PDB file of N, CA and C in Angstrom:
ATOM      1  N   UNK A   1       0.858  -1.169   0.051  1.00  0.00           N
ATOM      2  CA  UNK A   1      -0.055   0.001  -0.014  1.00  0.00           C
ATOM      3  C   UNK A   1       0.934   1.269   0.010  1.00  0.00           C
ATOM      4  N   UNK A   2       0.437   2.280  -0.652  1.00  0.00           N
ATOM      5  CA  UNK A   2       1.221   3.517  -0.798  1.00  0.00           C
ATOM      6  C   UNK A   2       0.644   4.602  -0.072  1.00  0.00           C
ATOM      7  N   UNK A   3       1.074   5.797  -0.472  1.00  0.00           N
ATOM      8  CA  UNK A   3       0.608   7.031   0.097  1.00  0.00           C
ATOM      9  C   UNK A   3       0.494   8.089  -0.953  1.00  0.00           C
ATOM     10  N   UNK A   4      -0.329   9.042  -0.761  1.00  0.00           N
ATOM     11  CA  UNK A   4      -0.545  10.158  -1.618  1.00  0.00           C
ATOM     12  C   UNK A   4      -0.479  11.463  -0.841  1.00  0.00           C
ATOM     13  N   UNK A   5      -0.045  12.483  -1.419  1.00  0.00           N
ATOM     14  CA  UNK A   5      -0.081  13.833  -0.836  1.00  0.00           C
ATOM     15  C   UNK A   5      -1.398  14.421  -1.042  1.00  0.00           C
ATOM     16  N   UNK A   6      -1.961  15.120  -0.026  1.00  0.00           N
ATOM     17  CA  UNK A   6      -3.237  15.784  -0.147  1.00  0.00           C
ATOM     18  C   UNK A   6      -3.076  17.185   0.347  1.00  0.00           C
ATOM     19  N   UNK A   7      -3.940  18.106  -0.178  1.00  0.00           N
ATOM     20  CA  UNK A   7      -4.041  19.472   0.276  1.00  0.00           C
ATOM     21  C   UNK A   7      -5.561  19.773   0.303  1.00  0.00           C
ATOM     22  N   UNK A   8      -6.113  20.133   1.509  1.00  0.00           N
ATOM     23  CA  UNK A   8      -7.506  20.366   1.574  1.00  0.00           C
ATOM     24  C   UNK A   8      -7.748  21.711   2.401  1.00  0.00           C
ATOM     25  N   UNK A   9      -8.557  22.535   1.811  1.00  0.00           N
ATOM     26  CA  UNK A   9      -9.016  23.791   2.548  1.00  0.00           C
ATOM     27  C   UNK A   9     -10.323  23.508   3.271  1.00  0.00           C
ATOM     28  N   UNK A  10     -10.450  24.051   4.413  1.00  0.00           N
ATOM     29  CA  UNK A  10     -11.698  23.942   5.199  1.00  0.00           C
ATOM     30  C   UNK A  10     -11.863  25.155   6.131  1.00  0.00           C
ATOM     31  N   UNK A  11     -13.089  25.420   6.476  1.00  0.00           N
ATOM     32  CA  UNK A  11     -13.391  26.565   7.360  1.00  0.00           C
ATOM     33  C   UNK A  11     -14.203  26.059   8.594  1.00  0.00           C
ATOM     34  N   UNK A  12     -14.019  26.822   9.638  1.00  0.00           N
ATOM     35  CA  UNK A  12     -14.775  26.507  10.901  1.00  0.00           C
ATOM     36  C   UNK A  12     -14.428  27.504  11.913  1.00  0.00           C
ATOM     37  N   UNK A  13     -15.239  27.501  13.038  1.00  0.00           N
ATOM     38  CA  UNK A  13     -14.973  28.422  14.157  1.00  0.00           C
ATOM     39  C   UNK A  13     -13.620  28.128  14.780  1.00  0.00           C
ATOM     40  N   UNK A  14     -13.206  26.846  14.704  1.00  0.00           N
ATOM     41  CA  UNK A  14     -11.951  26.388  15.258  1.00  0.00           C
ATOM     42  C   UNK A  14     -11.282  25.415  14.278  1.00  0.00           C
ATOM     43  N   UNK A  15     -10.007  25.214  14.486  1.00  0.00           N
ATOM     44  CA  UNK A  15      -9.257  24.264  13.679  1.00  0.00           C
ATOM     45  C   UNK A  15      -9.945  22.912  13.800  1.00  0.00           C
ATOM     46  N   UNK A  16     -10.391  22.521  14.847  1.00  0.00           N
ATOM     47  CA  UNK A  16     -11.106  21.103  15.072  1.00  0.00           C
ATOM     48  C   UNK A  16     -12.372  21.112  14.282  1.00  0.00           C
ATOM     49  N   UNK A  17     -13.104  22.111  14.302  1.00  0.00           N
ATOM     50  CA  UNK A  17     -14.337  22.178  13.479  1.00  0.00           C
ATOM     51  C   UNK A  17     -14.058  21.988  11.988  1.00  0.00           C
ATOM     52  N   UNK A  18     -13.026  22.772  11.528  1.00  0.00           N
ATOM     53  CA  UNK A  18     -12.670  22.697  10.122  1.00  0.00           C
ATOM     54  C   UNK A  18     -12.183  21.387   9.758  1.00  0.00           C
ATOM     55  N   UNK A  19     -11.324  20.770  10.617  1.00  0.00           N
ATOM     56  CA  UNK A  19     -10.796  19.421  10.413  1.00  0.00           C
ATOM     57  C   UNK A  19     -11.892  18.423  10.332  1.00  0.00           C
ATOM     58  N   UNK A  20     -12.818  18.470  11.245  1.00  0.00           N
ATOM     59  CA  UNK A  20     -13.921  17.479  11.255  1.00  0.00           C
ATOM     60  C   UNK A  20     -14.753  17.621  10.006  1.00  0.00           C
ATOM     61  N   UNK A  21     -14.970  18.885   9.511  1.00  0.00           N
ATOM     62  CA  UNK A  21     -15.722  19.064   8.289  1.00  0.00           C
ATOM     63  C   UNK A  21     -14.958  18.563   7.070  1.00  0.00           C
ATOM     64  N   UNK A  22     -13.664  18.736   7.014  1.00  0.00           N
ATOM     65  CA  UNK A  22     -12.857  18.299   5.905  1.00  0.00           C
ATOM     66  C   UNK A  22     -12.882  16.764   5.887  1.00  0.00           C
ATOM     67  N   UNK A  23     -12.777  16.149   6.992  1.00  0.00           N
ATOM     68  CA  UNK A  23     -12.771  14.706   7.006  1.00  0.00           C
ATOM     69  C   UNK A  23     -14.127  14.155   6.602  1.00  0.00           C
ATOM     70  N   UNK A  24     -15.197  14.797   7.095  1.00  0.00           N
ATOM     71  CA  UNK A  24     -16.624  14.453   6.685  1.00  0.00           C
ATOM     72  C   UNK A  24     -16.768  14.475   5.204  1.00  0.00           C
ATOM     73  N   UNK A  25     -16.358  15.651   4.657  1.00  0.00           N
ATOM     74  CA  UNK A  25     -16.418  15.776   3.169  1.00  0.00           C
ATOM     75  C   UNK A  25     -15.625  14.766   2.337  1.00  0.00           C
ATOM     76  N   UNK A  26     -14.457  14.477   2.809  1.00  0.00           N
ATOM     77  CA  UNK A  26     -13.607  13.536   2.133  1.00  0.00           C
ATOM     78  C   UNK A  26     -14.118  12.115   2.224  1.00  0.00           C
ATOM     79  N   UNK A  27     -14.770  11.799   3.360  1.00  0.00           N
ATOM     80  CA  UNK A  27     -15.372  10.400   3.480  1.00  0.00           C
ATOM     81  C   UNK A  27     -16.617  10.291   2.600  1.00  0.00           C
ATOM     82  N   UNK A  28     -17.294  11.454   2.444  1.00  0.00           N
ATOM     83  CA  UNK A  28     -18.480  11.417   1.539  1.00  0.00           C
ATOM     84  C   UNK A  28     -18.005  11.317   0.043  1.00  0.00           C
ATOM     85  N   UNK A  29     -16.964  12.023  -0.255  1.00  0.00           N
ATOM     86  CA  UNK A  29     -16.444  12.029  -1.680  1.00  0.00           C
ATOM     87  C   UNK A  29     -15.647  10.745  -2.065  1.00  0.00           C
ATOM     88  N   UNK A  30     -14.914  10.205  -1.135  1.00  0.00           N
ATOM     89  CA  UNK A  30     -14.020   9.046  -1.415  1.00  0.00           C
ATOM     90  C   UNK A  30     -14.461   7.704  -0.803  1.00  0.00           C
ATOM     91  N   UNK A  31     -15.468   7.744   0.008  1.00  0.00           N
ATOM     92  CA  UNK A  31     -16.035   6.569   0.632  1.00  0.00           C
ATOM     93  C   UNK A  31     -15.344   6.257   2.038  1.00  0.00           C
ATOM     94  N   UNK A  32     -15.788   5.204   2.661  1.00  0.00           N
ATOM     95  CA  UNK A  32     -15.370   4.892   4.043  1.00  0.00           C
ATOM     96  C   UNK A  32     -14.544   3.656   4.127  1.00  0.00           C
ATOM     97  N   UNK A  33     -14.095   3.073   3.000  1.00  0.00           N
ATOM     98  CA  UNK A  33     -13.310   1.887   2.936  1.00  0.00           C
ATOM     99  C   UNK A  33     -11.847   2.004   3.294  1.00  0.00           C
ATOM    100  N   UNK A  34     -11.388   3.200   3.372  1.00  0.00           N
ATOM    101  CA  UNK A  34      -9.948   3.494   3.740  1.00  0.00           C
ATOM    102  C   UNK A  34      -9.093   3.543   2.566  1.00  0.00           C
ATOM    103  N   UNK A  35      -7.821   3.864   2.781  1.00  0.00           N
ATOM    104  CA  UNK A  35      -6.784   3.993   1.749  1.00  0.00           C
ATOM    105  C   UNK A  35      -7.201   4.823   0.606  1.00  0.00           C
ATOM    106  N   UNK A  36      -7.816   6.040   0.941  1.00  0.00           N
ATOM    107  CA  UNK A  36      -8.272   6.951  -0.086  1.00  0.00           C
ATOM    108  C   UNK A  36      -7.212   7.952  -0.518  1.00  0.00           C
ATOM    109  N   UNK A  37      -6.077   8.022   0.231  1.00  0.00           N
ATOM    110  CA  UNK A  37      -5.103   9.043  -0.093  1.00  0.00           C
ATOM    111  C   UNK A  37      -5.524  10.475   0.233  1.00  0.00           C
ATOM    112  N   UNK A  38      -6.527  10.629   1.093  1.00  0.00           N
ATOM    113  CA  UNK A  38      -7.089  11.965   1.396  1.00  0.00           C
ATOM    114  C   UNK A  38      -7.108  12.178   2.970  1.00  0.00           C
ATOM    115  N   UNK A  39      -7.574  13.327   3.307  1.00  0.00           N
ATOM    116  CA  UNK A  39      -7.660  13.644   4.707  1.00  0.00           C
ATOM    117  C   UNK A  39      -8.644  12.695   5.528  1.00  0.00           C
ATOM    118  N   UNK A  40      -9.426  11.949   4.802  1.00  0.00           N
ATOM    119  CA  UNK A  40     -10.273  10.980   5.385  1.00  0.00           C
ATOM    120  C   UNK A  40      -9.569   9.949   6.201  1.00  0.00           C
ATOM    121  N   UNK A  41      -8.235   9.741   5.908  1.00  0.00           N
ATOM    122  CA  UNK A  41      -7.421   8.750   6.587  1.00  0.00           C
ATOM    123  C   UNK A  41      -6.828   9.351   7.925  1.00  0.00           C
ATOM    124  N   UNK A  42      -7.038  10.597   8.177  1.00  0.00           N
ATOM    125  CA  UNK A  42      -6.308  11.264   9.262  1.00  0.00           C
ATOM    126  C   UNK A  42      -7.190  11.252  10.552  1.00  0.00           C
ATOM    127  N   UNK A  43      -6.578  11.099  11.680  1.00  0.00           N
ATOM    128  CA  UNK A  43      -7.208  11.109  13.037  1.00  0.00           C
ATOM    129  C   UNK A  43      -7.024  12.466  13.683  1.00  0.00           C
ATOM    130  N   UNK A  44      -6.077  13.260  13.232  1.00  0.00           N
ATOM    131  CA  UNK A  44      -5.769  14.494  13.852  1.00  0.00           C
ATOM    132  C   UNK A  44      -4.883  15.382  12.987  1.00  0.00           C
ATOM    133  N   UNK A  45      -4.437  16.504  13.596  1.00  0.00           N
ATOM    134  CA  UNK A  45      -3.678  17.439  12.877  1.00  0.00           C
ATOM    135  C   UNK A  45      -2.603  18.055  13.819  1.00  0.00           C
ATOM    136  N   UNK A  46      -1.636  18.671  13.190  1.00  0.00           N
ATOM    137  CA  UNK A  46      -0.594  19.389  13.885  1.00  0.00           C
ATOM    138  C   UNK A  46      -0.594  20.818  13.348  1.00  0.00           C
ATOM    139  N   UNK A  47      -0.780  21.795  14.244  1.00  0.00           N
ATOM    140  CA  UNK A  47      -0.779  23.202  13.870  1.00  0.00           C
ATOM    141  C   UNK A  47       0.627  23.621  13.563  1.00  0.00           C
ATOM    142  N   UNK A  48       0.842  24.308  12.409  1.00  0.00           N
ATOM    143  CA  UNK A  48       2.118  24.758  11.950  1.00  0.00           C
ATOM    144  C   UNK A  48       2.025  26.217  11.612  1.00  0.00           C
ATOM    145  N   UNK A  49       2.972  27.000  12.177  1.00  0.00           N
ATOM    146  CA  UNK A  49       2.986  28.377  11.852  1.00  0.00           C
ATOM    147  C   UNK A  49       3.845  28.647  10.577  1.00  0.00           C
ATOM    148  N   UNK A  50       3.351  29.556   9.774  1.00  0.00           N
ATOM    149  CA  UNK A  50       4.069  29.890   8.604  1.00  0.00           C
ATOM    150  C   UNK A  50       4.992  31.094   8.867  1.00  0.00           C
ATOM    151  N   UNK A  51       6.273  30.960   8.478  1.00  0.00           N
ATOM    152  CA  UNK A  51       7.263  32.040   8.675  1.00  0.00           C
ATOM    153  C   UNK A  51       6.804  33.328   8.015  1.00  0.00           C
ATOM    154  N   UNK A  52       7.111  34.420   8.668  1.00  0.00           N
ATOM    155  CA  UNK A  52       6.805  35.758   8.233  1.00  0.00           C
ATOM    156  C   UNK A  52       7.212  35.848   6.780  1.00  0.00           C
ATOM    157  N   UNK A  53       6.311  36.387   5.966  1.00  0.00           N
ATOM    158  CA  UNK A  53       6.595  36.643   4.500  1.00  0.00           C
ATOM    159  C   UNK A  53       6.444  35.420   3.598  1.00  0.00           C
ATOM    160  N   UNK A  54       6.347  34.255   4.162  1.00  0.00           N
ATOM    161  CA  UNK A  54       6.223  33.069   3.301  1.00  0.00           C
ATOM    162  C   UNK A  54       4.747  32.861   2.793  1.00  0.00           C
ATOM    163  N   UNK A  55       4.547  32.343   1.593  1.00  0.00           N
ATOM    164  CA  UNK A  55       3.296  32.027   1.070  1.00  0.00           C
ATOM    165  C   UNK A  55       2.884  30.679   1.643  1.00  0.00           C
ATOM    166  N   UNK A  56       1.557  30.594   2.010  1.00  0.00           N
ATOM    167  CA  UNK A  56       1.086  29.393   2.652  1.00  0.00           C
ATOM    168  C   UNK A  56       1.320  28.152   1.811  1.00  0.00           C
ATOM    169  N   UNK A  57       0.852  28.230   0.589  1.00  0.00           N
ATOM    170  CA  UNK A  57       0.915  26.990  -0.303  1.00  0.00           C
ATOM    171  C   UNK A  57       2.407  26.593  -0.594  1.00  0.00           C
ATOM    172  N   UNK A  58       3.235  27.577  -0.766  1.00  0.00           N
ATOM    173  CA  UNK A  58       4.707  27.270  -1.006  1.00  0.00           C
ATOM    174  C   UNK A  58       5.332  26.690   0.207  1.00  0.00           C
ATOM    175  N   UNK A  59       4.919  27.235   1.306  1.00  0.00           N
ATOM    176  CA  UNK A  59       5.574  26.661   2.585  1.00  0.00           C
ATOM    177  C   UNK A  59       5.097  25.279   2.791  1.00  0.00           C
ATOM    178  N   UNK A  60       3.833  24.944   2.568  1.00  0.00           N
ATOM    179  CA  UNK A  60       3.280  23.600   2.731  1.00  0.00           C
ATOM    180  C   UNK A  60       4.005  22.665   1.787  1.00  0.00           C
ATOM    181  N   UNK A  61       4.174  23.067   0.505  1.00  0.00           N
ATOM    182  CA  UNK A  61       4.871  22.206  -0.525  1.00  0.00           C
ATOM    183  C   UNK A  61       6.298  21.991   0.055  1.00  0.00           C
ATOM    184  N   UNK A  62       6.930  22.987   0.546  1.00  0.00           N
ATOM    185  CA  UNK A  62       8.273  22.821   1.001  1.00  0.00           C
ATOM    186  C   UNK A  62       8.340  21.772   2.145  1.00  0.00           C
ATOM    187  N   UNK A  63       7.439  21.815   3.039  1.00  0.00           N
ATOM    188  CA  UNK A  63       7.412  20.871   4.215  1.00  0.00           C
ATOM    189  C   UNK A  63       7.210  19.448   3.656  1.00  0.00           C
ATOM    190  N   UNK A  64       6.399  19.261   2.576  1.00  0.00           N
ATOM    191  CA  UNK A  64       6.226  17.934   1.997  1.00  0.00           C
ATOM    192  C   UNK A  64       7.616  17.512   1.313  1.00  0.00           C
ATOM    193  N   UNK A  65       8.090  18.421   0.509  1.00  0.00           N
ATOM    194  CA  UNK A  65       9.343  18.113  -0.216  1.00  0.00           C
ATOM    195  C   UNK A  65      10.508  17.815   0.644  1.00  0.00           C
ATOM    196  N   UNK A  66      10.608  18.436   1.860  1.00  0.00           N
ATOM    197  CA  UNK A  66      11.763  18.244   2.707  1.00  0.00           C
ATOM    198  C   UNK A  66      11.468  17.125   3.745  1.00  0.00           C
ATOM    199  N   UNK A  67      10.380  16.476   3.608  1.00  0.00           N
ATOM    200  CA  UNK A  67      10.064  15.315   4.586  1.00  0.00           C
ATOM    201  C   UNK A  67       9.977  15.849   5.950  1.00  0.00           C
ATOM    202  N   UNK A  68       9.378  16.947   6.227  1.00  0.00           N
ATOM    203  CA  UNK A  68       9.308  17.520   7.584  1.00  0.00           C
ATOM    204  C   UNK A  68       8.519  16.437   8.450  1.00  0.00           C
ATOM    205  N   UNK A  69       9.168  16.080   9.621  1.00  0.00           N
ATOM    206  CA  UNK A  69       8.532  15.026  10.381  1.00  0.00           C
ATOM    207  C   UNK A  69       7.141  15.322  10.919  1.00  0.00           C
ATOM    208  N   UNK A  70       6.729  16.570  10.960  1.00  0.00           N
ATOM    209  CA  UNK A  70       5.314  16.885  11.381  1.00  0.00           C
ATOM    210  C   UNK A  70       4.311  16.396  10.370  1.00  0.00           C
ATOM    211  N   UNK A  71       4.683  16.216   9.130  1.00  0.00           N
ATOM    212  CA  UNK A  71       3.711  15.851   8.108  1.00  0.00           C
ATOM    213  C   UNK A  71       4.135  14.710   7.163  1.00  0.00           C
ATOM    214  N   UNK A  72       5.256  14.060   7.528  1.00  0.00           N
ATOM    215  CA  UNK A  72       5.839  13.074   6.674  1.00  0.00           C
ATOM    216  C   UNK A  72       5.395  11.575   6.931  1.00  0.00           C
ATOM    217  N   UNK A  73       4.359  11.362   7.726  1.00  0.00           N
ATOM    218  CA  UNK A  73       3.946  10.065   8.170  1.00  0.00           C
ATOM    219  C   UNK A  73       2.514   9.786   7.594  1.00  0.00           C
ATOM    220  N   UNK A  74       2.322   8.855   6.706  1.00  0.00           N
ATOM    221  CA  UNK A  74       1.009   8.557   6.216  1.00  0.00           C
ATOM    222  C   UNK A  74      -0.037   8.144   7.285  1.00  0.00           C
ATOM    223  N   UNK A  75       0.529   7.749   8.354  1.00  0.00           N
ATOM    224  CA  UNK A  75      -0.342   7.318   9.485  1.00  0.00           C
ATOM    225  C   UNK A  75      -0.470   8.390  10.610  1.00  0.00           C
ATOM    226  N   UNK A  76       0.417   9.471  10.510  1.00  0.00           N
ATOM    227  CA  UNK A  76       0.417  10.511  11.479  1.00  0.00           C
ATOM    228  C   UNK A  76      -0.588  11.638  11.198  1.00  0.00           C
ATOM    229  N   UNK A  77      -0.448  12.702  11.873  1.00  0.00           N
ATOM    230  CA  UNK A  77      -1.450  13.795  11.801  1.00  0.00           C
ATOM    231  C   UNK A  77      -1.200  14.557  10.387  1.00  0.00           C
ATOM    232  N   UNK A  78      -2.230  15.222  10.043  1.00  0.00           N
ATOM    233  CA  UNK A  78      -2.170  16.161   8.949  1.00  0.00           C
ATOM    234  C   UNK A  78      -1.503  17.491   9.416  1.00  0.00           C
ATOM    235  N   UNK A  79      -0.918  18.152   8.491  1.00  0.00           N
ATOM    236  CA  UNK A  79      -0.456  19.451   8.916  1.00  0.00           C
ATOM    237  C   UNK A  79      -1.637  20.482   8.800  1.00  0.00           C
ATOM    238  N   UNK A  80      -1.577  21.510   9.636  1.00  0.00           N
ATOM    239  CA  UNK A  80      -2.646  22.470   9.618  1.00  0.00           C
ATOM    240  C   UNK A  80      -2.101  23.863   9.675  1.00  0.00           C
ATOM    241  N   UNK A  81      -2.489  24.661   8.795  1.00  0.00           N
ATOM    242  CA  UNK A  81      -2.044  26.061   8.705  1.00  0.00           C
ATOM    243  C   UNK A  81      -3.203  26.970   8.722  1.00  0.00           C
ATOM    244  N   UNK A  82      -3.307  27.905   9.669  1.00  0.00           N
ATOM    245  CA  UNK A  82      -4.299  28.948   9.724  1.00  0.00           C
ATOM    246  C   UNK A  82      -4.086  29.934   8.578  1.00  0.00           C
ATOM    247  N   UNK A  83      -5.033  30.088   7.711  1.00  0.00           N
ATOM    248  CA  UNK A  83      -4.855  30.996   6.550  1.00  0.00           C
ATOM    249  C   UNK A  83      -5.339  32.384   6.873  1.00  0.00           C
ATOM    250  N   UNK A  84      -6.621  32.499   7.354  1.00  0.00           N
ATOM    251  CA  UNK A  84      -7.176  33.835   7.634  1.00  0.00           C
ATOM    252  C   UNK A  84      -8.481  33.596   8.426  1.00  0.00           C
ATOM    253  N   UNK A  85      -8.909  34.744   9.047  1.00  0.00           N
ATOM    254  CA  UNK A  85     -10.114  34.763   9.840  1.00  0.00           C
ATOM    255  C   UNK A  85     -11.042  35.823   9.297  1.00  0.00           C
ATOM    256  N   UNK A  86     -12.314  35.530   9.022  1.00  0.00           N
ATOM    257  CA  UNK A  86     -13.254  36.483   8.563  1.00  0.00           C
ATOM    258  C   UNK A  86     -13.703  37.299   9.751  1.00  0.00           C
ATOM    259  N   UNK A  87     -13.439  38.651   9.661  1.00  0.00           N
ATOM    260  CA  UNK A  87     -13.698  39.493  10.831  1.00  0.00           C
ATOM    261  C   UNK A  87     -15.161  39.683  11.122  1.00  0.00           C
ATOM    262  N   UNK A  88     -16.037  39.500  10.143  1.00  0.00           N
ATOM    263  CA  UNK A  88     -17.459  39.571  10.470  1.00  0.00           C
ATOM    264  C   UNK A  88     -18.064  38.307  11.005  1.00  0.00           C
ATOM    265  N   UNK A  89     -17.761  37.113  10.436  1.00  0.00           N
ATOM    266  CA  UNK A  89     -18.346  35.870  10.909  1.00  0.00           C
ATOM    267  C   UNK A  89     -17.576  35.182  11.938  1.00  0.00           C
ATOM    268  N   UNK A  90     -16.237  35.493  12.019  1.00  0.00           N
ATOM    269  CA  UNK A  90     -15.410  34.789  12.875  1.00  0.00           C
ATOM    270  C   UNK A  90     -14.953  33.443  12.439  1.00  0.00           C
ATOM    271  N   UNK A  91     -15.402  33.042  11.252  1.00  0.00           N
ATOM    272  CA  UNK A  91     -15.004  31.800  10.669  1.00  0.00           C
ATOM    273  C   UNK A  91     -13.491  31.900  10.199  1.00  0.00           C
ATOM    274  N   UNK A  92     -12.820  30.803  10.501  1.00  0.00           N
ATOM    275  CA  UNK A  92     -11.366  30.685  10.146  1.00  0.00           C
ATOM    276  C   UNK A  92     -11.127  29.722   9.020  1.00  0.00           C
ATOM    277  N   UNK A  93     -10.250  30.123   8.095  1.00  0.00           N
ATOM    278  CA  UNK A  93      -9.876  29.126   7.021  1.00  0.00           C
ATOM    279  C   UNK A  93      -8.545  28.604   7.318  1.00  0.00           C
ATOM    280  N   UNK A  94      -8.483  27.246   7.032  1.00  0.00           N
ATOM    281  CA  UNK A  94      -7.320  26.378   7.257  1.00  0.00           C
ATOM    282  C   UNK A  94      -6.921  25.660   6.046  1.00  0.00           C
ATOM    283  N   UNK A  95      -5.631  25.348   5.927  1.00  0.00           N
ATOM    284  CA  UNK A  95      -5.095  24.431   4.926  1.00  0.00           C
ATOM    285  C   UNK A  95      -4.613  23.168   5.718  1.00  0.00           C
ATOM    286  N   UNK A  96      -5.230  22.033   5.358  1.00  0.00           N
ATOM    287  CA  UNK A  96      -4.706  20.729   5.864  1.00  0.00           C
ATOM    288  C   UNK A  96      -3.931  20.034   4.778  1.00  0.00           C
ATOM    289  N   UNK A  97      -2.885  19.404   5.098  1.00  0.00           N
ATOM    290  CA  UNK A  97      -2.045  18.759   4.134  1.00  0.00           C
ATOM    291  C   UNK A  97      -1.194  17.710   4.713  1.00  0.00           C
ATOM    292  N   UNK A  98      -0.600  16.897   3.789  1.00  0.00           N
ATOM    293  CA  UNK A  98       0.265  15.894   4.288  1.00  0.00           C
ATOM    294  C   UNK A  98       0.230  14.665   3.352  1.00  0.00           C
ATOM    295  N   UNK A  99       0.744  13.545   3.911  1.00  0.00           N
ATOM    296  CA  UNK A  99       0.688  12.205   3.200  1.00  0.00           C
ATOM    297  C   UNK A  99      -0.508  11.434   3.852  1.00  0.00           C
ATOM    298  N   UNK A 100      -1.185  10.635   3.050  1.00  0.00           N
ATOM    299  CA  UNK A 100      -2.209   9.734   3.545  1.00  0.00           C
ATOM    300  C   UNK A 100      -2.172   8.456   2.817  1.00  0.00           C
ATOM    301  N   UNK A 101      -2.507   7.392   3.558  1.00  0.00           N
ATOM    302  CA  UNK A 101      -2.422   6.014   2.981  1.00  0.00           C
ATOM    303  C   UNK A 101      -3.318   5.864   1.793  1.00  0.00           C
ATOM    304  N   UNK A 102      -2.867   5.143   0.786  1.00  0.00           N
ATOM    305  CA  UNK A 102      -3.745   4.973  -0.406  1.00  0.00           C
ATOM    306  C   UNK A 102      -3.447   3.527  -0.921  1.00  0.00           C
TER     307      UNK A 102
END
């Protein structure tokens, strides 16, 4: 069995809410049988701060390319980066990414 890289955007009042929604969507889209190569395979996430001036997507790509231990395990947590917060609704946007079993 292998692994695939995934990148998933999700929104919620908290990172946990966004993660739960992203997993729910992925299970709906890919099924519940496992080995989807998506966030559906993840049980949790690790919050990662983006360095000042770095672009979120480029930074996430770099972590994958450099085999950063926070996101380099297909059985481990997804990486989670806070992107922005809507000042009116309070909803927060997150990028979840990493390797997932496929």
